C-alpha atoms as a PDB file:
ATOM      1  CA  MET A   1     -23.476 -43.996   5.269  1.00  0.00           C
ATOM      2  CA  SER A   2     -25.244 -42.796   8.359  1.00  0.00           C
ATOM      3  CA  THR A   3     -28.770 -41.777   8.688  1.00  0.00           C
ATOM      4  CA  THR A   4     -27.705 -38.201   9.099  1.00  0.00           C
ATOM      5  CA  ASP A   5     -25.818 -38.266   5.812  1.00  0.00           C
ATOM      6  CA  THR A   6     -28.781 -39.765   4.011  1.00  0.00           C
ATOM      7  CA  ALA A   7     -31.041 -37.045   5.308  1.00  0.00           C
ATOM      8  CA  SER A   8     -28.602 -34.439   4.083  1.00  0.00           C
ATOM      9  CA  LEU A   9     -28.842 -35.811   0.515  1.00  0.00           C
ATOM     10  CA  ALA A  10     -32.655 -35.513   0.409  1.00  0.00           C
ATOM     11  CA  PRO A  11     -33.991 -32.480  -1.477  1.00  0.00           C
ATOM     12  CA  LYS A  12     -34.893 -29.694   0.810  1.00  0.00           C
ATOM     13  CA  ALA A  13     -38.383 -28.238   0.622  1.00  0.00           C
ATOM     14  CA  VAL A  14     -38.341 -24.734  -0.701  1.00  0.00           C
ATOM     15  CA  ALA A  15     -40.511 -22.400   1.311  1.00  0.00           C
ATOM     16  CA  PRO A  16     -42.922 -20.317  -0.741  1.00  0.00           C
ATOM     17  CA  LYS A  17     -42.070 -16.697  -1.099  1.00  0.00           C
ATOM     18  CA  ALA A  18     -43.999 -14.241   0.910  1.00  0.00           C
ATOM     19  CA  GLY A  19     -47.009 -12.911  -0.958  1.00  0.00           C
ATOM     20  CA  ALA A  20     -46.857 -15.620  -3.685  1.00  0.00           C
ATOM     21  CA  PRO A  21     -50.218 -17.329  -4.313  1.00  0.00           C
ATOM     22  CA  ASP A  22     -50.514 -20.981  -3.532  1.00  0.00           C
ATOM     23  CA  ASP A  23     -50.842 -23.073  -6.732  1.00  0.00           C
ATOM     24  CA  ALA A  24     -53.127 -25.527  -5.021  1.00  0.00           C
ATOM     25  CA  ALA A  25     -55.472 -22.784  -3.911  1.00  0.00           C
ATOM     26  CA  ARG A  26     -55.464 -21.033  -7.316  1.00  0.00           C
ATOM     27  CA  PRO A  27     -58.764 -21.772  -9.190  1.00  0.00           C
ATOM     28  CA  ALA A  28     -58.379 -23.447 -12.562  1.00  0.00           C
ATOM     29  CA  ARG A  29     -59.263 -21.193 -15.472  1.00  0.00           C
ATOM     30  CA  PRO A  30     -61.927 -22.660 -17.776  1.00  0.00           C
ATOM     31  CA  ARG A  31     -60.619 -23.282 -21.239  1.00  0.00           C
ATOM     32  CA  PRO A  32     -62.591 -21.591 -24.029  1.00  0.00           C
ATOM     33  CA  GLN A  33     -64.718 -24.080 -25.925  1.00  0.00           C
ATOM     34  CA  THR A  34     -63.959 -24.340 -29.584  1.00  0.00           C
ATOM     35  CA  SER A  35     -66.711 -25.158 -32.040  1.00  0.00           C
ATOM     36  CA  ILE A  36     -66.533 -28.116 -34.382  1.00  0.00           C
ATOM     37  CA  VAL A  37     -67.349 -25.834 -37.301  1.00  0.00           C
ATOM     38  CA  PRO A  38     -64.783 -23.081 -37.982  1.00  0.00           C
ATOM     39  CA  GLY A  39     -66.276 -19.654 -37.452  1.00  0.00           C
ATOM     40  CA  ALA A  40     -64.760 -17.584 -40.265  1.00  0.00           C
ATOM     41  CA  THR A  41     -64.305 -19.329 -43.595  1.00  0.00           C
ATOM     42  CA  ILE A  42     -64.657 -18.345 -47.223  1.00  0.00           C
ATOM     43  CA  ALA A  43     -67.556 -20.776 -47.603  1.00  0.00           C
ATOM     44  CA  GLY A  44     -69.305 -19.233 -44.590  1.00  0.00           C
ATOM     45  CA  SER A  45     -68.902 -15.699 -45.959  1.00  0.00           C
ATOM     46  CA  THR A  46     -70.198 -16.833 -49.337  1.00  0.00           C
ATOM     47  CA  LEU A  47     -73.239 -18.433 -47.721  1.00  0.00           C
ATOM     48  CA  VAL A  48     -73.933 -15.191 -45.813  1.00  0.00           C
ATOM     49  CA  ALA A  49     -73.926 -13.340 -49.142  1.00  0.00           C
ATOM     50  CA  VAL A  50     -76.220 -15.942 -50.739  1.00  0.00           C
ATOM     51  CA  VAL A  51     -78.680 -15.806 -47.834  1.00  0.00           C
ATOM     52  CA  ALA A  52     -78.617 -11.987 -47.923  1.00  0.00           C
ATOM     53  CA  ILE A  53     -79.409 -11.937 -51.643  1.00  0.00           C
ATOM     54  CA  MET A  54     -82.227 -14.473 -51.246  1.00  0.00           C
ATOM     55  CA  THR A  55     -83.691 -12.563 -48.304  1.00  0.00           C
ATOM     56  CA  PHE A  56     -83.466  -9.308 -50.264  1.00  0.00           C
ATOM     57  CA  LEU A  57     -85.384 -10.822 -53.188  1.00  0.00           C
ATOM     58  CA  ALA A  58     -87.967 -12.377 -50.874  1.00  0.00           C
ATOM     59  CA  SER A  59     -88.434  -9.084 -49.021  1.00  0.00           C
ATOM     60  CA  LEU A  60     -88.852  -7.169 -52.274  1.00  0.00           C
ATOM     61  CA  THR A  61     -91.484  -9.679 -53.371  1.00  0.00           C
ATOM     62  CA  ILE A  62     -93.365  -9.401 -50.079  1.00  0.00           C
ATOM     63  CA  GLY A  63     -93.278  -5.595 -50.083  1.00  0.00           C
ATOM     64  CA  ALA A  64     -94.354  -5.329 -53.720  1.00  0.00           C
ATOM     65  CA  ALA A  65     -97.196  -7.807 -53.185  1.00  0.00           C
ATOM     66  CA  PHE A  66     -98.544  -5.842 -50.216  1.00  0.00           C
ATOM     67  CA  ALA A  67     -98.179  -2.568 -52.127  1.00  0.00           C
ATOM     68  CA  VAL A  68    -100.101  -3.884 -55.140  1.00  0.00           C
ATOM     69  CA  ARG A  69    -102.783  -5.378 -52.924  1.00  0.00           C
ATOM     70  CA  THR A  70    -103.255  -2.151 -50.969  1.00  0.00           C
ATOM     71  CA  THR A  71    -103.292   0.005 -54.098  1.00  0.00           C
ATOM     72  CA  ALA A  72    -105.722  -2.295 -55.904  1.00  0.00           C
ATOM     73  CA  SER A  73    -108.009  -2.243 -52.871  1.00  0.00           C
ATOM     74  CA  GLN A  74    -107.975   1.562 -52.821  1.00  0.00           C
ATOM     75  CA  TRP A  75    -108.671   1.748 -56.557  1.00  0.00           C
ATOM     76  CA  ARG A  76    -111.464  -0.791 -56.255  1.00  0.00           C
ATOM     77  CA  SER A  77    -112.982   1.200 -53.396  1.00  0.00           C
ATOM     78  CA  ASP A  78    -112.815   4.398 -55.462  1.00  0.00           C
ATOM     79  CA  VAL A  79    -114.358   2.685 -58.475  1.00  0.00           C
ATOM     80  CA  THR A  80    -117.236   1.173 -56.509  1.00  0.00           C
ATOM     81  CA  ARG A  81    -118.092   4.606 -55.042  1.00  0.00           C
ATOM     82  CA  GLU A  82    -118.729   6.055 -58.489  1.00  0.00           C
ATOM     83  CA  MET A  83    -120.938   5.381 -61.496  1.00  0.00           C
ATOM     84  CA  THR A  84    -121.234   7.161 -64.808  1.00  0.00           C
ATOM     85  CA  ILE A  85    -124.020   7.893 -67.243  1.00  0.00           C
ATOM     86  CA  GLN A  86    -122.899   8.183 -70.847  1.00  0.00           C
ATOM     87  CA  ILE A  87    -125.112   9.918 -73.404  1.00  0.00           C
ATOM     88  CA  ARG A  88    -124.332   9.516 -77.083  1.00  0.00           C
ATOM     89  CA  ALA A  89    -123.504  12.696 -78.941  1.00  0.00           C
ATOM     90  CA  GLY A  90    -126.197  14.231 -81.134  1.00  0.00           C
ATOM     91  CA  GLU A  91    -127.639  17.629 -81.836  1.00  0.00           C
ATOM     92  CA  PRO A  92    -125.955  19.938 -79.255  1.00  0.00           C
ATOM     93  CA  LYS A  93    -129.109  21.453 -77.756  1.00  0.00           C
ATOM     94  CA  ALA A  94    -130.904  18.114 -77.543  1.00  0.00           C
ATOM     95  CA  THR A  95    -127.826  16.480 -76.021  1.00  0.00           C
ATOM     96  CA  ASP A  96    -127.498  19.219 -73.391  1.00  0.00           C
ATOM     97  CA  ALA A  97    -131.143  18.760 -72.444  1.00  0.00           C
ATOM     98  CA  GLN A  98    -130.661  14.998 -72.130  1.00  0.00           C
ATOM     99  CA  VAL A  99    -127.597  15.514 -69.936  1.00  0.00           C
ATOM    100  CA  GLN A 100    -129.521  17.795 -67.585  1.00  0.00           C
ATOM    101  CA  LEU A 101    -132.407  15.329 -67.452  1.00  0.00           C
ATOM    102  CA  ALA A 102    -130.049  12.451 -66.651  1.00  0.00           C
ATOM    103  CA  ALA A 103    -128.512  14.458 -63.814  1.00  0.00           C
ATOM    104  CA  GLU A 104    -131.966  15.219 -62.387  1.00  0.00           C
ATOM    105  CA  ILE A 105    -132.977  11.559 -62.548  1.00  0.00           C
ATOM    106  CA  ALA A 106    -129.767  10.585 -60.755  1.00  0.00           C
ATOM    107  CA  ARG A 107    -130.256  13.181 -58.013  1.00  0.00           C
ATOM    108  CA  ALA A 108    -133.745  11.827 -57.350  1.00  0.00           C
ATOM    109  CA  THR A 109    -132.415   8.274 -56.953  1.00  0.00           C
ATOM    110  CA  PRO A 110    -131.826   7.094 -53.344  1.00  0.00           C
ATOM    111  CA  GLY A 111    -128.184   6.271 -52.613  1.00  0.00           C
ATOM    112  CA  ILE A 112    -126.662   8.873 -54.952  1.00  0.00           C
ATOM    113  CA  ALA A 113    -125.054  11.706 -53.027  1.00  0.00           C
ATOM    114  CA  ASP A 114    -123.905  13.994 -55.829  1.00  0.00           C
ATOM    115  CA  THR A 115    -123.769  14.355 -59.610  1.00  0.00           C
ATOM    116  CA  HIS A 116    -121.209  16.080 -61.777  1.00  0.00           C
ATOM    117  CA  ILE A 117    -121.488  16.802 -65.502  1.00  0.00           C
ATOM    118  CA  LEU A 118    -118.088  16.640 -67.166  1.00  0.00           C
ATOM    119  CA  SER A 119    -117.238  19.715 -69.198  1.00  0.00           C
ATOM    120  CA  THR A 120    -115.631  19.626 -72.619  1.00  0.00           C
ATOM    121  CA  GLN A 121    -112.221  20.360 -71.091  1.00  0.00           C
ATOM    122  CA  GLU A 122    -112.561  17.536 -68.547  1.00  0.00           C
ATOM    123  CA  THR A 123    -113.634  15.127 -71.274  1.00  0.00           C
ATOM    124  CA  GLY A 124    -110.640  16.177 -73.341  1.00  0.00           C
ATOM    125  CA  ARG A 125    -108.263  15.421 -70.476  1.00  0.00           C
ATOM    126  CA  LEU A 126    -109.774  11.955 -70.168  1.00  0.00           C
ATOM    127  CA  LEU A 127    -109.147  11.325 -73.855  1.00  0.00           C
ATOM    128  CA  GLU A 128    -105.595  12.729 -73.931  1.00  0.00           C
ATOM    129  CA  PRO A 129    -103.878   9.327 -73.384  1.00  0.00           C
ATOM    130  CA  TRP A 130    -105.517   8.045 -76.583  1.00  0.00           C
ATOM    131  CA  LEU A 131    -106.060  11.144 -78.770  1.00  0.00           C
ATOM    132  CA  GLY A 132    -103.324  13.465 -77.524  1.00  0.00           C
ATOM    133  CA  SER A 133    -103.564  17.056 -76.300  1.00  0.00           C
ATOM    134  CA  GLY A 134    -104.696  20.140 -78.191  1.00  0.00           C
ATOM    135  CA  LEU A 135    -107.380  18.274 -80.141  1.00  0.00           C
ATOM    136  CA  ASP A 136    -110.654  20.033 -80.998  1.00  0.00           C
ATOM    137  CA  LEU A 137    -113.449  17.717 -79.859  1.00  0.00           C
ATOM    138  CA  GLY A 138    -116.170  19.790 -81.483  1.00  0.00           C
ATOM    139  CA  ASP A 139    -116.025  17.786 -84.691  1.00  0.00           C
ATOM    140  CA  LEU A 140    -115.931  14.402 -82.946  1.00  0.00           C
ATOM    141  CA  PRO A 141    -118.990  12.479 -81.703  1.00  0.00           C
ATOM    142  CA  VAL A 142    -117.710  12.392 -78.129  1.00  0.00           C
ATOM    143  CA  PRO A 143    -120.352  11.190 -75.637  1.00  0.00           C
ATOM    144  CA  ARG A 144    -121.298  13.345 -72.665  1.00  0.00           C
ATOM    145  CA  VAL A 145    -120.579  11.919 -69.225  1.00  0.00           C
ATOM    146  CA  VAL A 146    -122.345  12.441 -65.900  1.00  0.00           C
ATOM    147  CA  VAL A 147    -120.389  11.213 -62.848  1.00  0.00           C
ATOM    148  CA  LEU A 148    -122.496   9.892 -59.943  1.00  0.00           C
ATOM    149  CA  LYS A 149    -121.109   9.847 -56.391  1.00  0.00           C
ATOM    150  CA  LEU A 150    -122.589   7.186 -54.108  1.00  0.00           C
ATOM    151  CA  ASP A 151    -123.154   7.889 -50.424  1.00  0.00           C
ATOM    152  CA  GLY A 152    -122.322   4.302 -49.380  1.00  0.00           C
ATOM    153  CA  ALA A 153    -125.125   4.135 -46.806  1.00  0.00           C
ATOM    154  CA  THR A 154    -128.001   3.287 -49.165  1.00  0.00           C
ATOM    155  CA  THR A 155    -127.918   0.633 -51.862  1.00  0.00           C
ATOM    156  CA  VAL A 156    -128.742   2.016 -55.272  1.00  0.00           C
ATOM    157  CA  ASP A 157    -131.419   0.168 -57.237  1.00  0.00           C
ATOM    158  CA  LEU A 158    -129.443  -0.170 -60.451  1.00  0.00           C
ATOM    159  CA  ALA A 159    -132.167  -2.044 -62.316  1.00  0.00           C
ATOM    160  CA  LYS A 160    -134.726   0.686 -61.638  1.00  0.00           C
ATOM    161  CA  LEU A 161    -132.254   3.452 -62.542  1.00  0.00           C
ATOM    162  CA  ARG A 162    -131.362   1.747 -65.830  1.00  0.00           C
ATOM    163  CA  ARG A 163    -135.004   1.253 -66.667  1.00  0.00           C
ATOM    164  CA  THR A 164    -135.848   4.905 -65.940  1.00  0.00           C
ATOM    165  CA  LEU A 165    -132.941   6.146 -68.042  1.00  0.00           C
ATOM    166  CA  SER A 166    -133.774   3.876 -71.002  1.00  0.00           C
ATOM    167  CA  ASP A 167    -137.435   4.963 -70.891  1.00  0.00           C
ATOM    168  CA  ARG A 168    -136.773   8.698 -70.739  1.00  0.00           C
ATOM    169  CA  ILE A 169    -133.368   8.930 -72.470  1.00  0.00           C
ATOM    170  CA  PRO A 170    -132.895   6.147 -75.043  1.00  0.00           C
ATOM    171  CA  THR A 171    -129.302   7.242 -75.791  1.00  0.00           C
ATOM    172  CA  ALA A 172    -128.176   7.000 -72.142  1.00  0.00           C
ATOM    173  CA  THR A 173    -126.070   4.130 -70.769  1.00  0.00           C
ATOM    174  CA  LEU A 174    -125.393   3.454 -67.068  1.00  0.00           C
ATOM    175  CA  ASP A 175    -121.956   2.054 -66.188  1.00  0.00           C
ATOM    176  CA  ASP A 176    -121.350   0.869 -62.606  1.00  0.00           C
ATOM    177  CA  HIS A 177    -117.672  -0.050 -63.318  1.00  0.00           C
ATOM    178  CA  ARG A 178    -118.253  -3.615 -62.191  1.00  0.00           C
ATOM    179  CA  LEU A 179    -115.998  -4.903 -64.961  1.00  0.00           C
ATOM    180  CA  TRP A 180    -113.097  -2.696 -63.836  1.00  0.00           C
ATOM    181  CA  SER A 181    -113.599  -3.843 -60.243  1.00  0.00           C
ATOM    182  CA  HIS A 182    -113.386  -7.500 -61.296  1.00  0.00           C
ATOM    183  CA  ARG A 183    -110.257  -6.789 -63.318  1.00  0.00           C
ATOM    184  CA  LEU A 184    -108.576  -5.061 -60.392  1.00  0.00           C
ATOM    185  CA  SER A 185    -109.443  -7.969 -58.114  1.00  0.00           C
ATOM    186  CA  ALA A 186    -108.077 -10.447 -60.631  1.00  0.00           C
ATOM    187  CA  MET A 187    -104.894  -8.400 -60.996  1.00  0.00           C
ATOM    188  CA  ALA A 188    -104.333  -8.258 -57.238  1.00  0.00           C
ATOM    189  CA  GLU A 189    -104.941 -11.986 -56.875  1.00  0.00           C
ATOM    190  CA  GLY A 190    -102.578 -12.709 -59.775  1.00  0.00           C
ATOM    191  CA  VAL A 191     -99.834 -10.624 -58.174  1.00  0.00           C
ATOM    192  CA  MET A 192    -100.304 -12.409 -54.847  1.00  0.00           C
ATOM    193  CA  VAL A 193    -100.136 -15.850 -56.498  1.00  0.00           C
ATOM    194  CA  THR A 194     -97.022 -14.823 -58.417  1.00  0.00           C
ATOM    195  CA  GLY A 195     -95.447 -13.515 -55.224  1.00  0.00           C
ATOM    196  CA  VAL A 196     -96.127 -16.773 -53.389  1.00  0.00           C
ATOM    197  CA  ALA A 197     -94.576 -18.731 -56.282  1.00  0.00           C
ATOM    198  CA  LEU A 198     -91.473 -16.506 -56.246  1.00  0.00           C
ATOM    199  CA  LEU A 199     -91.166 -16.898 -52.476  1.00  0.00           C
ATOM    200  CA  GLY A 200     -91.335 -20.657 -52.912  1.00  0.00           C
ATOM    201  CA  LEU A 201     -88.535 -20.602 -55.485  1.00  0.00           C
ATOM    202  CA  VAL A 202     -86.374 -18.319 -53.330  1.00  0.00           C
ATOM    203  CA  GLY A 203     -86.970 -20.537 -50.308  1.00  0.00           C
ATOM    204  CA  LEU A 204     -86.067 -23.661 -52.269  1.00  0.00           C
ATOM    205  CA  ALA A 205     -82.847 -22.072 -53.524  1.00  0.00           C
ATOM    206  CA  THR A 206     -81.938 -21.024 -49.972  1.00  0.00           C
ATOM    207  CA  VAL A 207     -82.585 -24.508 -48.574  1.00  0.00           C
ATOM    208  CA  LEU A 208     -80.479 -26.144 -51.285  1.00  0.00           C
ATOM    209  CA  SER A 209     -77.620 -23.706 -50.643  1.00  0.00           C
ATOM    210  CA  VAL A 210     -77.697 -24.486 -46.913  1.00  0.00           C
ATOM    211  CA  VAL A 211     -77.808 -28.238 -47.578  1.00  0.00           C
ATOM    212  CA  PHE A 212     -74.731 -28.091 -49.806  1.00  0.00           C
ATOM    213  CA  ALA A 213     -72.893 -25.817 -47.365  1.00  0.00           C
ATOM    214  CA  THR A 214     -73.701 -28.110 -44.424  1.00  0.00           C
ATOM    215  CA  ARG A 215     -72.517 -31.192 -46.267  1.00  0.00           C
ATOM    216  CA  ALA A 216     -69.324 -29.383 -47.208  1.00  0.00           C
ATOM    217  CA  ALA A 217     -68.764 -28.359 -43.575  1.00  0.00           C
ATOM    218  CA  VAL A 218     -69.324 -31.927 -42.363  1.00  0.00           C
ATOM    219  CA  ALA A 219     -66.974 -33.274 -45.042  1.00  0.00           C
ATOM    220  CA  THR A 220     -64.285 -30.743 -44.100  1.00  0.00           C
ATOM    221  CA  ASN A 221     -64.527 -31.684 -40.419  1.00  0.00           C
ATOM    222  CA  ARG A 222     -65.299 -35.363 -41.018  1.00  0.00           C
ATOM    223  CA  ALA A 223     -62.372 -36.599 -38.936  1.00  0.00           C
ATOM    224  CA  VAL A 224     -63.476 -34.614 -35.894  1.00  0.00           C
ATOM    225  CA  VAL A 225     -67.099 -35.623 -36.378  1.00  0.00           C
ATOM    226  CA  GLU A 226     -66.170 -39.323 -36.680  1.00  0.00           C
ATOM    227  CA  VAL A 227     -64.052 -39.220 -33.527  1.00  0.00           C
ATOM    228  CA  LEU A 228     -66.845 -37.553 -31.569  1.00  0.00           C
ATOM    229  CA  HIS A 229     -69.343 -39.983 -33.022  1.00  0.00           C
ATOM    230  CA  PHE A 230     -67.332 -43.071 -32.155  1.00  0.00           C
ATOM    231  CA  VAL A 231     -66.387 -41.994 -28.619  1.00  0.00           C
ATOM    232  CA  GLY A 232     -70.069 -41.734 -27.784  1.00  0.00           C
ATOM    233  CA  ALA A 233     -71.071 -38.145 -28.536  1.00  0.00           C
ATOM    234  CA  ARG A 234     -74.752 -37.958 -29.259  1.00  0.00           C
ATOM    235  CA  ASP A 235     -75.974 -36.919 -32.655  1.00  0.00           C
ATOM    236  CA  GLY A 236     -77.909 -34.096 -31.057  1.00  0.00           C
ATOM    237  CA  PHE A 237     -74.720 -32.589 -29.622  1.00  0.00           C
ATOM    238  CA  ILE A 238     -72.936 -32.684 -32.980  1.00  0.00           C
ATOM    239  CA  ALA A 239     -75.970 -31.377 -34.847  1.00  0.00           C
ATOM    240  CA  ALA A 240     -76.355 -28.545 -32.339  1.00  0.00           C
ATOM    241  CA  GLN A 241     -72.839 -27.320 -33.157  1.00  0.00           C
ATOM    242  CA  PHE A 242     -73.682 -27.015 -36.853  1.00  0.00           C
ATOM    243  CA  GLN A 243     -77.125 -25.614 -36.098  1.00  0.00           C
ATOM    244  CA  ARG A 244     -75.659 -22.832 -33.962  1.00  0.00           C
ATOM    245  CA  HIS A 245     -73.151 -21.984 -36.672  1.00  0.00           C
ATOM    246  CA  PHE A 246     -75.697 -21.841 -39.487  1.00  0.00           C
ATOM    247  CA  LEU A 247     -78.216 -19.982 -37.334  1.00  0.00           C
ATOM    248  CA  LYS A 248     -75.629 -17.222 -37.014  1.00  0.00           C
ATOM    249  CA  ILE A 249     -75.062 -17.263 -40.769  1.00  0.00           C
ATOM    250  CA  GLY A 250     -78.804 -17.158 -41.477  1.00  0.00           C
ATOM    251  CA  ALA A 251     -79.345 -14.300 -39.017  1.00  0.00           C
ATOM    252  CA  GLN A 252     -76.501 -12.249 -40.511  1.00  0.00           C
ATOM    253  CA  GLY A 253     -77.579 -12.803 -44.113  1.00  0.00           C
ATOM    254  CA  GLY A 254     -81.260 -12.322 -43.292  1.00  0.00           C
ATOM    255  CA  LEU A 255     -80.631  -9.034 -41.500  1.00  0.00           C
ATOM    256  CA  LEU A 256     -78.477  -7.735 -44.341  1.00  0.00           C
ATOM    257  CA  GLY A 257     -81.046  -8.623 -47.021  1.00  0.00           C
ATOM    258  CA  GLY A 258     -84.066  -7.534 -44.981  1.00  0.00           C
ATOM    259  CA  CYS A 259     -82.556  -4.196 -43.988  1.00  0.00           C
ATOM    260  CA  ALA A 260     -81.547  -3.521 -47.591  1.00  0.00           C
ATOM    261  CA  ALA A 261     -85.086  -4.197 -48.845  1.00  0.00           C
ATOM    262  CA  ALA A 262     -86.616  -2.109 -46.039  1.00  0.00           C
ATOM    263  CA  ALA A 263     -84.241   0.729 -46.952  1.00  0.00           C
ATOM    264  CA  VAL A 264     -85.343   0.536 -50.592  1.00  0.00           C
ATOM    265  CA  PHE A 265     -89.033   0.749 -49.700  1.00  0.00           C
ATOM    266  CA  GLY A 266     -88.330   3.427 -47.099  1.00  0.00           C
ATOM    267  CA  ALA A 267     -86.604   5.545 -49.738  1.00  0.00           C
ATOM    268  CA  ILE A 268     -89.535   5.040 -52.109  1.00  0.00           C
ATOM    269  CA  VAL A 269     -92.020   6.102 -49.432  1.00  0.00           C
ATOM    270  CA  ALA A 270     -89.981   9.176 -48.445  1.00  0.00           C
ATOM    271  CA  LEU A 271     -89.104  10.225 -52.005  1.00  0.00           C
ATOM    272  CA  PRO A 272     -92.347  12.173 -52.771  1.00  0.00           C
ATOM    273  CA  ARG A 273     -91.717  14.363 -49.722  1.00  0.00           C
ATOM    274  CA  PHE A 274     -88.441  15.655 -51.155  1.00  0.00           C
ATOM    275  CA  VAL A 275     -88.727  15.178 -54.919  1.00  0.00           C
ATOM    276  CA  PRO A 276     -91.849  15.910 -57.010  1.00  0.00           C
ATOM    277  CA  VAL A 277     -92.918  12.705 -58.768  1.00  0.00           C
ATOM    278  CA  GLY A 278     -95.477  14.193 -61.161  1.00  0.00           C
ATOM    279  CA  ASP A 279     -99.169  14.849 -61.209  1.00  0.00           C
ATOM    280  CA  PRO A 280    -100.893  13.582 -58.031  1.00  0.00           C
ATOM    281  CA  GLU A 281    -103.878  12.514 -60.137  1.00  0.00           C
ATOM    282  CA  ASP A 282    -101.585  10.430 -62.368  1.00  0.00           C
ATOM    283  CA  PRO A 283     -99.259   8.676 -59.892  1.00  0.00           C
ATOM    284  CA  THR A 284     -96.136   6.951 -61.109  1.00  0.00           C
ATOM    285  CA  LEU A 285     -94.714   3.668 -59.883  1.00  0.00           C
ATOM    286  CA  LEU A 286     -92.826   5.338 -57.035  1.00  0.00           C
ATOM    287  CA  ALA A 287     -95.984   7.079 -55.821  1.00  0.00           C
ATOM    288  CA  TRP A 288     -97.993   3.921 -55.120  1.00  0.00           C
ATOM    289  CA  LEU A 289     -95.265   1.330 -54.380  1.00  0.00           C
ATOM    290  CA  ASN A 290     -95.758   1.652 -50.634  1.00  0.00           C
ATOM    291  CA  PRO A 291     -95.886  -1.673 -48.741  1.00  0.00           C
ATOM    292  CA  GLY A 292     -97.408  -0.105 -45.639  1.00  0.00           C
ATOM    293  CA  ILE A 293     -96.931  -1.273 -42.069  1.00  0.00           C
ATOM    294  CA  TRP A 294     -97.928  -4.838 -42.925  1.00  0.00           C
ATOM    295  CA  GLY A 295     -95.392  -4.963 -45.731  1.00  0.00           C
ATOM    296  CA  PHE A 296     -92.550  -3.945 -43.408  1.00  0.00           C
ATOM    297  CA  ALA A 297     -93.817  -6.450 -40.840  1.00  0.00           C
ATOM    298  CA  GLY A 298     -93.728  -9.117 -43.547  1.00  0.00           C
ATOM    299  CA  ILE A 299     -90.092  -8.238 -44.273  1.00  0.00           C
ATOM    300  CA  GLY A 300     -89.269  -8.695 -40.594  1.00  0.00           C
ATOM    301  CA  CYS A 301     -91.014 -12.072 -40.586  1.00  0.00           C
ATOM    302  CA  ALA A 302     -89.033 -13.061 -43.690  1.00  0.00           C
ATOM    303  CA  VAL A 303     -85.759 -12.339 -41.868  1.00  0.00           C
ATOM    304  CA  ALA A 304     -86.784 -14.512 -38.902  1.00  0.00           C
ATOM    305  CA  VAL A 305     -88.030 -17.331 -41.130  1.00  0.00           C
ATOM    306  CA  VAL A 306     -84.810 -17.349 -43.160  1.00  0.00           C
ATOM    307  CA  ALA A 307     -82.652 -17.539 -40.020  1.00  0.00           C
ATOM    308  CA  PHE A 308     -84.605 -20.394 -38.440  1.00  0.00           C
ATOM    309  CA  ALA A 309     -85.024 -22.227 -41.749  1.00  0.00           C
ATOM    310  CA  THR A 310     -81.246 -22.100 -42.250  1.00  0.00           C
ATOM    311  CA  ALA A 311     -80.615 -23.544 -38.782  1.00  0.00           C
ATOM    312  CA  PHE A 312     -83.294 -26.230 -39.125  1.00  0.00           C
ATOM    313  CA  THR A 313     -82.074 -27.280 -42.573  1.00  0.00           C
ATOM    314  CA  SER A 314     -78.501 -27.645 -41.339  1.00  0.00           C
ATOM    315  CA  ARG A 315     -79.638 -29.734 -38.347  1.00  0.00           C
ATOM    316  CA  VAL A 316     -81.643 -32.118 -40.528  1.00  0.00           C
ATOM    317  CA  THR A 317     -78.740 -32.411 -42.984  1.00  0.00           C
ATOM    318  CA  VAL A 318     -76.271 -33.238 -40.197  1.00  0.00           C
ATOM    319  CA  TYR A 319     -78.574 -35.922 -38.813  1.00  0.00           C
ATOM    320  CA  ARG A 320     -78.837 -37.557 -42.220  1.00  0.00           C
ATOM    321  CA  THR A 321     -75.084 -37.343 -42.754  1.00  0.00           C
ATOM    322  CA  LEU A 322     -74.326 -38.918 -39.357  1.00  0.00           C
ATOM    323  CA  ARG A 323     -76.500 -41.893 -40.217  1.00  0.00           C
ATOM    324  CA  MET A 324     -74.150 -42.651 -43.089  1.00  0.00           C
ATOM    325  CA  ILE A 325     -71.113 -42.842 -40.791  1.00  0.00           C
ATOM    326  CA  GLN A 326     -70.537 -46.478 -39.843  1.00  0.00           C
END
């Protein structure tokens, strides 16, 4: 066979069509990176719900603790700005004279801005929670009460005032409400301690849930993790994949729970503007359960802490699990 015949058997080069892009010049498209941990699973959705519930409970605890603390502080401030003089009941004319004398002594005392003698009707309203309404107090030995308003600028000499009252009015008793102030402080501190304990329990339950979910995710993808581990992938790279996945779960659950709790407190705060909640002087639970700006800020901090705690817990769990792979 001649050289010419051999050349005729060789495959002829096909010329590219006009306008067709050159394959060599075409840039390679980057392939989308797939995560080690599957994005949408039943276990992941369940963990989102668990984190949302835990965040909701934690946010409710934080908001209620701030509301109780703020309300107790306001009550304590109101109590410390007032004192009362109680005069035991006796002969009506003599008792009225003693009440007037007690008011005059109080007005002459530095630090007392105003005095108010409670009428029979006002005294009856104070006793309604215990004796009921419509009761005739004329036949009962109800003491007379003089309310003292403090100006707050000058310290009242309580020892001197008590001594003056006991010398001139033996049946008079001065009450500075110190016992009620201590009780309110103890109540607020007890609520705060209880709230911290509840937050600790909620946090522990959340951490345990994330630990179990992370171990389950590693076990499900154990083959992939082992291959990556044995071919030289660093533990930090593998742990970062799980950390990114659980950070997303923690952020989703935290936002759902935090927003739900903020909506509950927002509805409570806005409710008195649209619906009458009762007597302003006798507020109900909805009237004073207002967490304030610091309470809502605490809810936001709880959402962030839950998200980062979820990611950190998953990272630590993956590190410990990888150490067990031989």
